[in-house]
Amino acid sequence: MIVQDNVIHTKSYAFAIRVVNAYKFLIDSQKEFILSKQMLRSGTAIGALVAEAHHAQSSADFLNKMNIALKEANETSYWLSLLKDTHYLEESLYLSISADRDELIALLVSIVKSMKDSLNK
């Protein structure tokens, strides 16, 4: 699990940087302030929750933080899709950032499933 934790930490941090840069583009170039703020909030929360989970008080606390990170990743999916479908995000940028998001979601699902399985033994 430590290897996955390091991978998820690295990838969630890199994703947060991409989200911040997309946010800056959206407010500077597109003059879009509302949807992009929601994307910024949920997209950066993923990495923050992963960082919190690193010092979880228990396995249950770790699982809870990873579950919330997964929820934030799913919320980020919504905001990214809405930004694309309202033509604030170009298709190429959307596809690129969505690929990273999908990878994060797959990692989080795997971690959550593994933790649930180990807690139920």
PDB file of N, CA and C in Angstrom:
ATOM      1  N   MET A   1       0.821  -1.198   0.000  1.00  0.00           N
ATOM      2  CA  MET A   1       0.000   0.000   0.000  1.00  0.00           C
ATOM      3  C   MET A   1       0.862   1.257   0.000  1.00  0.00           C
ATOM      4  N   ILE A   2       2.032   1.218   0.546  1.00  0.00           N
ATOM      5  CA  ILE A   2       2.893   2.398   0.592  1.00  0.00           C
ATOM      6  C   ILE A   2       3.243   2.860  -0.823  1.00  0.00           C
ATOM      7  N   VAL A   3       3.514   1.915  -1.727  1.00  0.00           N
ATOM      8  CA  VAL A   3       3.838   2.282  -3.101  1.00  0.00           C
ATOM      9  C   VAL A   3       2.651   2.997  -3.739  1.00  0.00           C
ATOM     10  N   GLN A   4       1.441   2.440  -3.570  1.00  0.00           N
ATOM     11  CA  GLN A   4       0.253   3.096  -4.111  1.00  0.00           C
ATOM     12  C   GLN A   4       0.082   4.473  -3.492  1.00  0.00           C
ATOM     13  N   ASP A   5       0.328   4.585  -2.206  1.00  0.00           N
ATOM     14  CA  ASP A   5       0.174   5.870  -1.522  1.00  0.00           C
ATOM     15  C   ASP A   5       1.113   6.903  -2.138  1.00  0.00           C
ATOM     16  N   ASN A   6       2.344   6.506  -2.428  1.00  0.00           N
ATOM     17  CA  ASN A   6       3.279   7.437  -3.048  1.00  0.00           C
ATOM     18  C   ASN A   6       2.819   7.822  -4.452  1.00  0.00           C
ATOM     19  N   VAL A   7       2.336   6.859  -5.200  1.00  0.00           N
ATOM     20  CA  VAL A   7       1.851   7.120  -6.554  1.00  0.00           C
ATOM     21  C   VAL A   7       0.653   8.059  -6.496  1.00  0.00           C
ATOM     22  N   ILE A   8      -0.292   7.771  -5.627  1.00  0.00           N
ATOM     23  CA  ILE A   8      -1.494   8.598  -5.539  1.00  0.00           C
ATOM     24  C   ILE A   8      -1.141  10.011  -5.073  1.00  0.00           C
ATOM     25  N   HIS A   9      -0.182  10.123  -4.180  1.00  0.00           N
ATOM     26  CA  HIS A   9       0.242  11.446  -3.724  1.00  0.00           C
ATOM     27  C   HIS A   9       0.838  12.242  -4.889  1.00  0.00           C
ATOM     28  N   THR A  10       1.758  11.627  -5.615  1.00  0.00           N
ATOM     29  CA  THR A  10       2.419  12.292  -6.739  1.00  0.00           C
ATOM     30  C   THR A  10       1.422  12.687  -7.817  1.00  0.00           C
ATOM     31  N   LYS A  11       0.546  11.766  -8.177  1.00  0.00           N
ATOM     32  CA  LYS A  11      -0.407  12.031  -9.258  1.00  0.00           C
ATOM     33  C   LYS A  11      -1.477  13.036  -8.854  1.00  0.00           C
ATOM     34  N   SER A  12      -1.919  12.982  -7.610  1.00  0.00           N
ATOM     35  CA  SER A  12      -2.940  13.944  -7.177  1.00  0.00           C
ATOM     36  C   SER A  12      -2.352  15.354  -7.075  1.00  0.00           C
ATOM     37  N   TYR A  13      -1.094  15.447  -6.683  1.00  0.00           N
ATOM     38  CA  TYR A  13      -0.427  16.752  -6.627  1.00  0.00           C
ATOM     39  C   TYR A  13      -0.239  17.322  -8.033  1.00  0.00           C
ATOM     40  N   ALA A  14       0.213  16.485  -8.956  1.00  0.00           N
ATOM     41  CA  ALA A  14       0.386  16.921 -10.347  1.00  0.00           C
ATOM     42  C   ALA A  14      -0.953  17.332 -10.949  1.00  0.00           C
ATOM     43  N   PHE A  15      -2.009  16.595 -10.614  1.00  0.00           N
ATOM     44  CA  PHE A  15      -3.340  16.944 -11.105  1.00  0.00           C
ATOM     45  C   PHE A  15      -3.774  18.297 -10.548  1.00  0.00           C
ATOM     46  N   ALA A  16      -3.506  18.538  -9.285  1.00  0.00           N
ATOM     47  CA  ALA A  16      -3.863  19.822  -8.672  1.00  0.00           C
ATOM     48  C   ALA A  16      -3.162  20.975  -9.394  1.00  0.00           C
ATOM     49  N   ILE A  17      -1.928  20.783  -9.762  1.00  0.00           N
ATOM     50  CA  ILE A  17      -1.202  21.813 -10.518  1.00  0.00           C
ATOM     51  C   ILE A  17      -1.881  22.060 -11.860  1.00  0.00           C
ATOM     52  N   ARG A  18      -2.281  20.991 -12.534  1.00  0.00           N
ATOM     53  CA  ARG A  18      -2.982  21.144 -13.817  1.00  0.00           C
ATOM     54  C   ARG A  18      -4.299  21.897 -13.628  1.00  0.00           C
ATOM     55  N   VAL A  19      -5.007  21.592 -12.555  1.00  0.00           N
ATOM     56  CA  VAL A  19      -6.285  22.250 -12.276  1.00  0.00           C
ATOM     57  C   VAL A  19      -6.059  23.742 -12.011  1.00  0.00           C
ATOM     58  N   VAL A  20      -5.042  24.061 -11.236  1.00  0.00           N
ATOM     59  CA  VAL A  20      -4.732  25.472 -10.954  1.00  0.00           C
ATOM     60  C   VAL A  20      -4.406  26.202 -12.257  1.00  0.00           C
ATOM     61  N   ASN A  21      -3.609  25.580 -13.110  1.00  0.00           N
ATOM     62  CA  ASN A  21      -3.270  26.216 -14.389  1.00  0.00           C
ATOM     63  C   ASN A  21      -4.495  26.365 -15.292  1.00  0.00           C
ATOM     64  N   ALA A  22      -5.369  25.369 -15.303  1.00  0.00           N
ATOM     65  CA  ALA A  22      -6.609  25.467 -16.089  1.00  0.00           C
ATOM     66  C   ALA A  22      -7.486  26.592 -15.536  1.00  0.00           C
ATOM     67  N   TYR A  23      -7.525  26.702 -14.211  1.00  0.00           N
ATOM     68  CA  TYR A  23      -8.299  27.774 -13.570  1.00  0.00           C
ATOM     69  C   TYR A  23      -7.764  29.148 -14.001  1.00  0.00           C
ATOM     70  N   LYS A  24      -6.442  29.312 -13.965  1.00  0.00           N
ATOM     71  CA  LYS A  24      -5.853  30.588 -14.365  1.00  0.00           C
ATOM     72  C   LYS A  24      -6.193  30.913 -15.820  1.00  0.00           C
ATOM     73  N   PHE A  25      -6.137  29.904 -16.689  1.00  0.00           N
ATOM     74  CA  PHE A  25      -6.512  30.101 -18.090  1.00  0.00           C
ATOM     75  C   PHE A  25      -7.979  30.522 -18.196  1.00  0.00           C
ATOM     76  N   LEU A  26      -8.845  29.843 -17.478  1.00  0.00           N
ATOM     77  CA  LEU A  26     -10.281  30.129 -17.571  1.00  0.00           C
ATOM     78  C   LEU A  26     -10.633  31.533 -17.083  1.00  0.00           C
ATOM     79  N   ILE A  27      -9.993  31.984 -16.019  1.00  0.00           N
ATOM     80  CA  ILE A  27     -10.334  33.326 -15.533  1.00  0.00           C
ATOM     81  C   ILE A  27      -9.649  34.418 -16.356  1.00  0.00           C
ATOM     82  N   ASP A  28      -8.427  34.149 -16.826  1.00  0.00           N
ATOM     83  CA  ASP A  28      -7.708  35.168 -17.596  1.00  0.00           C
ATOM     84  C   ASP A  28      -8.197  35.259 -19.040  1.00  0.00           C
ATOM     85  N   SER A  29      -8.264  34.134 -19.712  1.00  0.00           N
ATOM     86  CA  SER A  29      -8.580  34.130 -21.142  1.00  0.00           C
ATOM     87  C   SER A  29     -10.060  34.036 -21.446  1.00  0.00           C
ATOM     88  N   GLN A  30     -10.772  33.247 -20.670  1.00  0.00           N
ATOM     89  CA  GLN A  30     -12.183  33.012 -20.956  1.00  0.00           C
ATOM     90  C   GLN A  30     -13.110  33.890 -20.117  1.00  0.00           C
ATOM     91  N   LYS A  31     -12.569  34.531 -19.127  1.00  0.00           N
ATOM     92  CA  LYS A  31     -13.362  35.366 -18.203  1.00  0.00           C
ATOM     93  C   LYS A  31     -14.507  34.569 -17.573  1.00  0.00           C
ATOM     94  N   GLU A  32     -14.205  33.321 -17.225  1.00  0.00           N
ATOM     95  CA  GLU A  32     -15.188  32.443 -16.593  1.00  0.00           C
ATOM     96  C   GLU A  32     -14.771  32.287 -15.137  1.00  0.00           C
ATOM     97  N   PHE A  33     -15.635  32.682 -14.207  1.00  0.00           N
ATOM     98  CA  PHE A  33     -15.242  32.745 -12.801  1.00  0.00           C
ATOM     99  C   PHE A  33     -15.990  31.772 -11.895  1.00  0.00           C
ATOM    100  N   ILE A  34     -17.184  31.372 -12.246  1.00  0.00           N
ATOM    101  CA  ILE A  34     -18.014  30.578 -11.341  1.00  0.00           C
ATOM    102  C   ILE A  34     -17.719  29.088 -11.456  1.00  0.00           C
ATOM    103  N   LEU A  35     -17.885  28.522 -12.636  1.00  0.00           N
ATOM    104  CA  LEU A  35     -17.656  27.090 -12.830  1.00  0.00           C
ATOM    105  C   LEU A  35     -16.193  26.732 -12.563  1.00  0.00           C
ATOM    106  N   SER A  36     -15.301  27.595 -13.009  1.00  0.00           N
ATOM    107  CA  SER A  36     -13.876  27.322 -12.829  1.00  0.00           C
ATOM    108  C   SER A  36     -13.484  27.300 -11.357  1.00  0.00           C
ATOM    109  N   LYS A  37     -14.128  28.124 -10.540  1.00  0.00           N
ATOM    110  CA  LYS A  37     -13.844  28.136  -9.096  1.00  0.00           C
ATOM    111  C   LYS A  37     -14.267  26.808  -8.467  1.00  0.00           C
ATOM    112  N   GLN A  38     -15.393  26.274  -8.928  1.00  0.00           N
ATOM    113  CA  GLN A  38     -15.854  24.972  -8.429  1.00  0.00           C
ATOM    114  C   GLN A  38     -14.867  23.873  -8.821  1.00  0.00           C
ATOM    115  N   MET A  39     -14.393  23.919 -10.076  1.00  0.00           N
ATOM    116  CA  MET A  39     -13.409  22.948 -10.550  1.00  0.00           C
ATOM    117  C   MET A  39     -12.120  23.053  -9.729  1.00  0.00           C
ATOM    118  N   LEU A  40     -11.699  24.292  -9.460  1.00  0.00           N
ATOM    119  CA  LEU A  40     -10.486  24.518  -8.666  1.00  0.00           C
ATOM    120  C   LEU A  40     -10.639  23.915  -7.273  1.00  0.00           C
ATOM    121  N   ARG A  41     -11.776  24.167  -6.650  1.00  0.00           N
ATOM    122  CA  ARG A  41     -12.006  23.684  -5.292  1.00  0.00           C
ATOM    123  C   ARG A  41     -11.976  22.146  -5.237  1.00  0.00           C
ATOM    124  N   SER A  42     -12.753  21.511  -6.091  1.00  0.00           N
ATOM    125  CA  SER A  42     -12.824  20.041  -6.027  1.00  0.00           C
ATOM    126  C   SER A  42     -11.548  19.387  -6.558  1.00  0.00           C
ATOM    127  N   GLY A  43     -10.963  19.975  -7.596  1.00  0.00           N
ATOM    128  CA  GLY A  43      -9.770  19.384  -8.191  1.00  0.00           C
ATOM    129  C   GLY A  43      -8.538  19.433  -7.302  1.00  0.00           C
ATOM    130  N   THR A  44      -8.429  20.473  -6.493  1.00  0.00           N
ATOM    131  CA  THR A  44      -7.289  20.562  -5.573  1.00  0.00           C
ATOM    132  C   THR A  44      -7.571  19.837  -4.256  1.00  0.00           C
ATOM    133  N   ALA A  45      -8.837  19.631  -3.943  1.00  0.00           N
ATOM    134  CA  ALA A  45      -9.189  18.916  -2.708  1.00  0.00           C
ATOM    135  C   ALA A  45      -8.730  17.464  -2.745  1.00  0.00           C
ATOM    136  N   ILE A  46      -8.650  16.890  -3.939  1.00  0.00           N
ATOM    137  CA  ILE A  46      -8.237  15.488  -4.072  1.00  0.00           C
ATOM    138  C   ILE A  46      -6.868  15.293  -3.426  1.00  0.00           C
ATOM    139  N   GLY A  47      -5.907  16.086  -3.850  1.00  0.00           N
ATOM    140  CA  GLY A  47      -4.550  15.969  -3.319  1.00  0.00           C
ATOM    141  C   GLY A  47      -4.459  16.315  -1.844  1.00  0.00           C
ATOM    142  N   ALA A  48      -5.256  17.303  -1.416  1.00  0.00           N
ATOM    143  CA  ALA A  48      -5.248  17.675  -0.005  1.00  0.00           C
ATOM    144  C   ALA A  48      -5.742  16.515   0.862  1.00  0.00           C
ATOM    145  N   LEU A  49      -6.762  15.829   0.405  1.00  0.00           N
ATOM    146  CA  LEU A  49      -7.282  14.686   1.159  1.00  0.00           C
ATOM    147  C   LEU A  49      -6.298  13.520   1.168  1.00  0.00           C
ATOM    148  N   VAL A  50      -5.628  13.306   0.048  1.00  0.00           N
ATOM    149  CA  VAL A  50      -4.600  12.267  -0.011  1.00  0.00           C
ATOM    150  C   VAL A  50      -3.480  12.596   0.972  1.00  0.00           C
ATOM    151  N   ALA A  51      -3.092  13.866   1.038  1.00  0.00           N
ATOM    152  CA  ALA A  51      -2.051  14.275   1.986  1.00  0.00           C
ATOM    153  C   ALA A  51      -2.518  14.074   3.425  1.00  0.00           C
ATOM    154  N   GLU A  52      -3.771  14.412   3.705  1.00  0.00           N
ATOM    155  CA  GLU A  52      -4.319  14.188   5.048  1.00  0.00           C
ATOM    156  C   GLU A  52      -4.312  12.712   5.399  1.00  0.00           C
ATOM    157  N   ALA A  53      -4.656  11.877   4.437  1.00  0.00           N
ATOM    158  CA  ALA A  53      -4.737  10.428   4.675  1.00  0.00           C
ATOM    159  C   ALA A  53      -3.386   9.844   5.054  1.00  0.00           C
ATOM    160  N   HIS A  54      -2.322  10.492   4.634  1.00  0.00           N
ATOM    161  CA  HIS A  54      -0.979  10.005   4.950  1.00  0.00           C
ATOM    162  C   HIS A  54      -0.757   9.919   6.461  1.00  0.00           C
ATOM    163  N   HIS A  55      -1.410  10.780   7.213  1.00  0.00           N
ATOM    164  CA  HIS A  55      -1.287  10.775   8.668  1.00  0.00           C
ATOM    165  C   HIS A  55      -2.622  10.456   9.336  1.00  0.00           C
ATOM    166  N   ALA A  56      -3.359   9.567   8.714  1.00  0.00           N
ATOM    167  CA  ALA A  56      -4.656   9.169   9.268  1.00  0.00           C
ATOM    168  C   ALA A  56      -4.468   8.533  10.636  1.00  0.00           C
ATOM    169  N   GLN A  57      -5.470   8.703  11.484  1.00  0.00           N
ATOM    170  CA  GLN A  57      -5.404   8.174  12.847  1.00  0.00           C
ATOM    171  C   GLN A  57      -5.668   6.683  12.911  1.00  0.00           C
ATOM    172  N   SER A  58      -6.301   6.145  11.876  1.00  0.00           N
ATOM    173  CA  SER A  58      -6.624   4.726  11.840  1.00  0.00           C
ATOM    174  C   SER A  58      -6.866   4.311  10.397  1.00  0.00           C
ATOM    175  N   SER A  59      -7.009   3.017  10.192  1.00  0.00           N
ATOM    176  CA  SER A  59      -7.334   2.518   8.856  1.00  0.00           C
ATOM    177  C   SER A  59      -8.692   3.039   8.406  1.00  0.00           C
ATOM    178  N   ALA A  60      -9.624   3.136   9.329  1.00  0.00           N
ATOM    179  CA  ALA A  60     -10.955   3.650   8.997  1.00  0.00           C
ATOM    180  C   ALA A  60     -10.876   5.127   8.590  1.00  0.00           C
ATOM    181  N   ASP A  61     -10.042   5.880   9.282  1.00  0.00           N
ATOM    182  CA  ASP A  61      -9.853   7.293   8.950  1.00  0.00           C
ATOM    183  C   ASP A  61      -9.211   7.425   7.567  1.00  0.00           C
ATOM    184  N   PHE A  62      -8.217   6.587   7.288  1.00  0.00           N
ATOM    185  CA  PHE A  62      -7.568   6.568   5.979  1.00  0.00           C
ATOM    186  C   PHE A  62      -8.595   6.276   4.887  1.00  0.00           C
ATOM    187  N   LEU A  63      -9.403   5.252   5.095  1.00  0.00           N
ATOM    188  CA  LEU A  63     -10.431   4.881   4.124  1.00  0.00           C
ATOM    189  C   LEU A  63     -11.416   6.023   3.910  1.00  0.00           C
ATOM    190  N   ASN A  64     -11.825   6.670   4.985  1.00  0.00           N
ATOM    191  CA  ASN A  64     -12.751   7.785   4.885  1.00  0.00           C
ATOM    192  C   ASN A  64     -12.173   8.917   4.034  1.00  0.00           C
ATOM    193  N   LYS A  65     -10.915   9.268   4.257  1.00  0.00           N
ATOM    194  CA  LYS A  65     -10.292  10.349   3.497  1.00  0.00           C
ATOM    195  C   LYS A  65     -10.150   9.977   2.020  1.00  0.00           C
ATOM    196  N   MET A  66      -9.822   8.730   1.742  1.00  0.00           N
ATOM    197  CA  MET A  66      -9.704   8.291   0.351  1.00  0.00           C
ATOM    198  C   MET A  66     -11.073   8.261  -0.330  1.00  0.00           C
ATOM    199  N   ASN A  67     -12.103   7.873   0.412  1.00  0.00           N
ATOM    200  CA  ASN A  67     -13.465   7.905  -0.132  1.00  0.00           C
ATOM    201  C   ASN A  67     -13.879   9.329  -0.485  1.00  0.00           C
ATOM    202  N   ILE A  68     -13.556  10.266   0.380  1.00  0.00           N
ATOM    203  CA  ILE A  68     -13.898  11.669   0.108  1.00  0.00           C
ATOM    204  C   ILE A  68     -13.089  12.182  -1.084  1.00  0.00           C
ATOM    205  N   ALA A  69     -11.823  11.790  -1.182  1.00  0.00           N
ATOM    206  CA  ALA A  69     -11.007  12.179  -2.345  1.00  0.00           C
ATOM    207  C   ALA A  69     -11.634  11.649  -3.632  1.00  0.00           C
ATOM    208  N   LEU A  70     -12.150  10.429  -3.588  1.00  0.00           N
ATOM    209  CA  LEU A  70     -12.831   9.850  -4.751  1.00  0.00           C
ATOM    210  C   LEU A  70     -14.073  10.647  -5.108  1.00  0.00           C
ATOM    211  N   LYS A  71     -14.821  11.062  -4.114  1.00  0.00           N
ATOM    212  CA  LYS A  71     -16.000  11.896  -4.363  1.00  0.00           C
ATOM    213  C   LYS A  71     -15.606  13.233  -4.993  1.00  0.00           C
ATOM    214  N   GLU A  72     -14.537  13.826  -4.515  1.00  0.00           N
ATOM    215  CA  GLU A  72     -14.059  15.091  -5.084  1.00  0.00           C
ATOM    216  C   GLU A  72     -13.613  14.899  -6.537  1.00  0.00           C
ATOM    217  N   ALA A  73     -12.987  13.757  -6.831  1.00  0.00           N
ATOM    218  CA  ALA A  73     -12.577  13.468  -8.206  1.00  0.00           C
ATOM    219  C   ALA A  73     -13.802  13.339  -9.108  1.00  0.00           C
ATOM    220  N   ASN A  74     -14.838  12.702  -8.604  1.00  0.00           N
ATOM    221  CA  ASN A  74     -16.073  12.586  -9.384  1.00  0.00           C
ATOM    222  C   ASN A  74     -16.734  13.951  -9.572  1.00  0.00           C
ATOM    223  N   GLU A  75     -16.704  14.782  -8.557  1.00  0.00           N
ATOM    224  CA  GLU A  75     -17.252  16.133  -8.695  1.00  0.00           C
ATOM    225  C   GLU A  75     -16.449  16.927  -9.729  1.00  0.00           C
ATOM    226  N   THR A  76     -15.142  16.775  -9.711  1.00  0.00           N
ATOM    227  CA  THR A  76     -14.294  17.453 -10.680  1.00  0.00           C
ATOM    228  C   THR A  76     -14.665  17.029 -12.102  1.00  0.00           C
ATOM    229  N   SER A  77     -15.008  15.763 -12.274  1.00  0.00           N
ATOM    230  CA  SER A  77     -15.459  15.276 -13.582  1.00  0.00           C
ATOM    231  C   SER A  77     -16.653  16.074 -14.073  1.00  0.00           C
ATOM    232  N   TYR A  78     -17.587  16.323 -13.178  1.00  0.00           N
ATOM    233  CA  TYR A  78     -18.784  17.082 -13.523  1.00  0.00           C
ATOM    234  C   TYR A  78     -18.425  18.485 -14.005  1.00  0.00           C
ATOM    235  N   TRP A  79     -17.594  19.182 -13.238  1.00  0.00           N
ATOM    236  CA  TRP A  79     -17.241  20.560 -13.592  1.00  0.00           C
ATOM    237  C   TRP A  79     -16.455  20.616 -14.893  1.00  0.00           C
ATOM    238  N   LEU A  80     -15.553  19.676 -15.101  1.00  0.00           N
ATOM    239  CA  LEU A  80     -14.790  19.647 -16.351  1.00  0.00           C
ATOM    240  C   LEU A  80     -15.717  19.416 -17.546  1.00  0.00           C
ATOM    241  N   SER A  81     -16.653  18.483 -17.399  1.00  0.00           N
ATOM    242  CA  SER A  81     -17.604  18.216 -18.488  1.00  0.00           C
ATOM    243  C   SER A  81     -18.458  19.443 -18.772  1.00  0.00           C
ATOM    244  N   LEU A  82     -18.904  20.099 -17.728  1.00  0.00           N
ATOM    245  CA  LEU A  82     -19.732  21.293 -17.905  1.00  0.00           C
ATOM    246  C   LEU A  82     -18.940  22.417 -18.591  1.00  0.00           C
ATOM    247  N   LEU A  83     -17.693  22.588 -18.193  1.00  0.00           N
ATOM    248  CA  LEU A  83     -16.851  23.604 -18.824  1.00  0.00           C
ATOM    249  C   LEU A  83     -16.600  23.288 -20.302  1.00  0.00           C
ATOM    250  N   LYS A  84     -16.434  22.005 -20.618  1.00  0.00           N
ATOM    251  CA  LYS A  84     -16.246  21.608 -22.021  1.00  0.00           C
ATOM    252  C   LYS A  84     -17.532  21.823 -22.813  1.00  0.00           C
ATOM    253  N   ASP A  85     -18.644  21.363 -22.269  1.00  0.00           N
ATOM    254  CA  ASP A  85     -19.913  21.425 -22.998  1.00  0.00           C
ATOM    255  C   ASP A  85     -20.464  22.841 -23.143  1.00  0.00           C
ATOM    256  N   THR A  86     -19.964  23.769 -22.338  1.00  0.00           N
ATOM    257  CA  THR A  86     -20.350  25.183 -22.481  1.00  0.00           C
ATOM    258  C   THR A  86     -19.277  25.974 -23.236  1.00  0.00           C
ATOM    259  N   HIS A  87     -18.312  25.239 -23.795  1.00  0.00           N
ATOM    260  CA  HIS A  87     -17.287  25.785 -24.692  1.00  0.00           C
ATOM    261  C   HIS A  87     -16.282  26.714 -24.016  1.00  0.00           C
ATOM    262  N   TYR A  88     -16.111  26.549 -22.713  1.00  0.00           N
ATOM    263  CA  TYR A  88     -15.041  27.281 -22.037  1.00  0.00           C
ATOM    264  C   TYR A  88     -13.712  26.535 -22.146  1.00  0.00           C
ATOM    265  N   LEU A  89     -13.782  25.199 -22.156  1.00  0.00           N
ATOM    266  CA  LEU A  89     -12.585  24.370 -22.314  1.00  0.00           C
ATOM    267  C   LEU A  89     -12.589  23.767 -23.707  1.00  0.00           C
ATOM    268  N   GLU A  90     -11.470  23.870 -24.390  1.00  0.00           N
ATOM    269  CA  GLU A  90     -11.333  23.222 -25.692  1.00  0.00           C
ATOM    270  C   GLU A  90     -11.269  21.713 -25.499  1.00  0.00           C
ATOM    271  N   GLU A  91     -11.710  21.000 -26.505  1.00  0.00           N
ATOM    272  CA  GLU A  91     -11.750  19.534 -26.459  1.00  0.00           C
ATOM    273  C   GLU A  91     -10.387  18.930 -26.117  1.00  0.00           C
ATOM    274  N   SER A  92      -9.322  19.451 -26.713  1.00  0.00           N
ATOM    275  CA  SER A  92      -7.987  18.879 -26.481  1.00  0.00           C
ATOM    276  C   SER A  92      -7.552  19.037 -25.028  1.00  0.00           C
ATOM    277  N   LEU A  93      -7.795  20.191 -24.436  1.00  0.00           N
ATOM    278  CA  LEU A  93      -7.459  20.401 -23.027  1.00  0.00           C
ATOM    279  C   LEU A  93      -8.324  19.518 -22.145  1.00  0.00           C
ATOM    280  N   TYR A  94      -9.599  19.445 -22.473  1.00  0.00           N
ATOM    281  CA  TYR A  94     -10.508  18.594 -21.711  1.00  0.00           C
ATOM    282  C   TYR A  94     -10.048  17.137 -21.740  1.00  0.00           C
ATOM    283  N   LEU A  95      -9.721  16.624 -22.907  1.00  0.00           N
ATOM    284  CA  LEU A  95      -9.307  15.223 -23.028  1.00  0.00           C
ATOM    285  C   LEU A  95      -8.011  14.953 -22.263  1.00  0.00           C
ATOM    286  N   SER A  96      -7.095  15.900 -22.311  1.00  0.00           N
ATOM    287  CA  SER A  96      -5.820  15.730 -21.621  1.00  0.00           C
ATOM    288  C   SER A  96      -5.995  15.701 -20.102  1.00  0.00           C
ATOM    289  N   ILE A  97      -6.713  16.661 -19.566  1.00  0.00           N
ATOM    290  CA  ILE A  97      -6.900  16.725 -18.114  1.00  0.00           C
ATOM    291  C   ILE A  97      -7.822  15.598 -17.643  1.00  0.00           C
ATOM    292  N   SER A  98      -8.764  15.199 -18.490  1.00  0.00           N
ATOM    293  CA  SER A  98      -9.665  14.104 -18.134  1.00  0.00           C
ATOM    294  C   SER A  98      -8.933  12.772 -18.056  1.00  0.00           C
ATOM    295  N   ALA A  99      -7.928  12.590 -18.891  1.00  0.00           N
ATOM    296  CA  ALA A  99      -7.134  11.358 -18.834  1.00  0.00           C
ATOM    297  C   ALA A  99      -6.429  11.260 -17.482  1.00  0.00           C
ATOM    298  N   ASP A 100      -5.886  12.373 -17.023  1.00  0.00           N
ATOM    299  CA  ASP A 100      -5.245  12.387 -15.701  1.00  0.00           C
ATOM    300  C   ASP A 100      -6.263  12.123 -14.593  1.00  0.00           C
ATOM    301  N   ARG A 101      -7.425  12.749 -14.718  1.00  0.00           N
ATOM    302  CA  ARG A 101      -8.486  12.553 -13.732  1.00  0.00           C
ATOM    303  C   ARG A 101      -8.944  11.101 -13.698  1.00  0.00           C
ATOM    304  N   ASP A 102      -9.105  10.491 -14.873  1.00  0.00           N
ATOM    305  CA  ASP A 102      -9.526   9.088 -14.934  1.00  0.00           C
ATOM    306  C   ASP A 102      -8.510   8.165 -14.272  1.00  0.00           C
ATOM    307  N   GLU A 103      -7.238   8.475 -14.463  1.00  0.00           N
ATOM    308  CA  GLU A 103      -6.184   7.684 -13.826  1.00  0.00           C
ATOM    309  C   GLU A 103      -6.253   7.830 -12.298  1.00  0.00           C
ATOM    310  N   LEU A 104      -6.490   9.041 -11.833  1.00  0.00           N
ATOM    311  CA  LEU A 104      -6.643   9.275 -10.390  1.00  0.00           C
ATOM    312  C   LEU A 104      -7.839   8.501  -9.842  1.00  0.00           C
ATOM    313  N   ILE A 105      -8.955   8.556 -10.542  1.00  0.00           N
ATOM    314  CA  ILE A 105     -10.156   7.850 -10.091  1.00  0.00           C
ATOM    315  C   ILE A 105      -9.881   6.355 -10.018  1.00  0.00           C
ATOM    316  N   ALA A 106      -9.213   5.798 -11.021  1.00  0.00           N
ATOM    317  CA  ALA A 106      -8.896   4.366 -11.007  1.00  0.00           C
ATOM    318  C   ALA A 106      -8.009   4.008  -9.811  1.00  0.00           C
ATOM    319  N   LEU A 107      -7.024   4.834  -9.521  1.00  0.00           N
ATOM    320  CA  LEU A 107      -6.158   4.588  -8.363  1.00  0.00           C
ATOM    321  C   LEU A 107      -6.948   4.663  -7.056  1.00  0.00           C
ATOM    322  N   LEU A 108      -7.786   5.686  -6.941  1.00  0.00           N
ATOM    323  CA  LEU A 108      -8.578   5.847  -5.714  1.00  0.00           C
ATOM    324  C   LEU A 108      -9.560   4.697  -5.527  1.00  0.00           C
ATOM    325  N   VAL A 109     -10.199   4.264  -6.600  1.00  0.00           N
ATOM    326  CA  VAL A 109     -11.116   3.118  -6.521  1.00  0.00           C
ATOM    327  C   VAL A 109     -10.359   1.884  -6.040  1.00  0.00           C
ATOM    328  N   SER A 110      -9.169   1.666  -6.588  1.00  0.00           N
ATOM    329  CA  SER A 110      -8.354   0.514  -6.195  1.00  0.00           C
ATOM    330  C   SER A 110      -7.966   0.584  -4.720  1.00  0.00           C
ATOM    331  N   ILE A 111      -7.549   1.750  -4.267  1.00  0.00           N
ATOM    332  CA  ILE A 111      -7.162   1.924  -2.856  1.00  0.00           C
ATOM    333  C   ILE A 111      -8.359   1.706  -1.947  1.00  0.00           C
ATOM    334  N   VAL A 112      -9.484   2.308  -2.280  1.00  0.00           N
ATOM    335  CA  VAL A 112     -10.691   2.177  -1.458  1.00  0.00           C
ATOM    336  C   VAL A 112     -11.131   0.721  -1.391  1.00  0.00           C
ATOM    337  N   LYS A 113     -11.136   0.048  -2.537  1.00  0.00           N
ATOM    338  CA  LYS A 113     -11.553  -1.360  -2.568  1.00  0.00           C
ATOM    339  C   LYS A 113     -10.610  -2.222  -1.737  1.00  0.00           C
ATOM    340  N   SER A 114      -9.301  -2.018  -1.888  1.00  0.00           N
ATOM    341  CA  SER A 114      -8.315  -2.784  -1.115  1.00  0.00           C
ATOM    342  C   SER A 114      -8.490  -2.552   0.387  1.00  0.00           C
ATOM    343  N   MET A 115      -8.694  -1.301   0.770  1.00  0.00           N
ATOM    344  CA  MET A 115      -8.864  -0.984   2.188  1.00  0.00           C
ATOM    345  C   MET A 115     -10.146  -1.589   2.751  1.00  0.00           C
ATOM    346  N   LYS A 116     -11.217  -1.526   1.986  1.00  0.00           N
ATOM    347  CA  LYS A 116     -12.482  -2.129   2.443  1.00  0.00           C
ATOM    348  C   LYS A 116     -12.322  -3.630   2.611  1.00  0.00           C
ATOM    349  N   ASP A 117     -11.651  -4.265   1.654  1.00  0.00           N
ATOM    350  CA  ASP A 117     -11.415  -5.711   1.739  1.00  0.00           C
ATOM    351  C   ASP A 117     -10.579  -6.063   2.969  1.00  0.00           C
ATOM    352  N   SER A 118      -9.532  -5.273   3.240  1.00  0.00           N
ATOM    353  CA  SER A 118      -8.669  -5.585   4.386  1.00  0.00           C
ATOM    354  C   SER A 118      -9.376  -5.298   5.717  1.00  0.00           C
ATOM    355  N   LEU A 119     -10.243  -4.302   5.748  1.00  0.00           N
ATOM    356  CA  LEU A 119     -10.983  -4.005   6.982  1.00  0.00           C
ATOM    357  C   LEU A 119     -12.078  -5.027   7.255  1.00  0.00           C
ATOM    358  N   ASN A 120     -12.574  -5.677   6.209  1.00  0.00           N
ATOM    359  CA  ASN A 120     -13.649  -6.653   6.377  1.00  0.00           C
ATOM    360  C   ASN A 120     -13.136  -8.063   6.654  1.00  0.00           C
ATOM    361  N   LYS A 121     -11.833  -8.228   6.743  1.00  0.00           N
ATOM    362  CA  LYS A 121     -11.259  -9.568   7.025  1.00  0.00           C
ATOM    363  C   LYS A 121     -11.220  -9.845   8.500  1.00  0.00           C
TER     364      LYS A 121
END
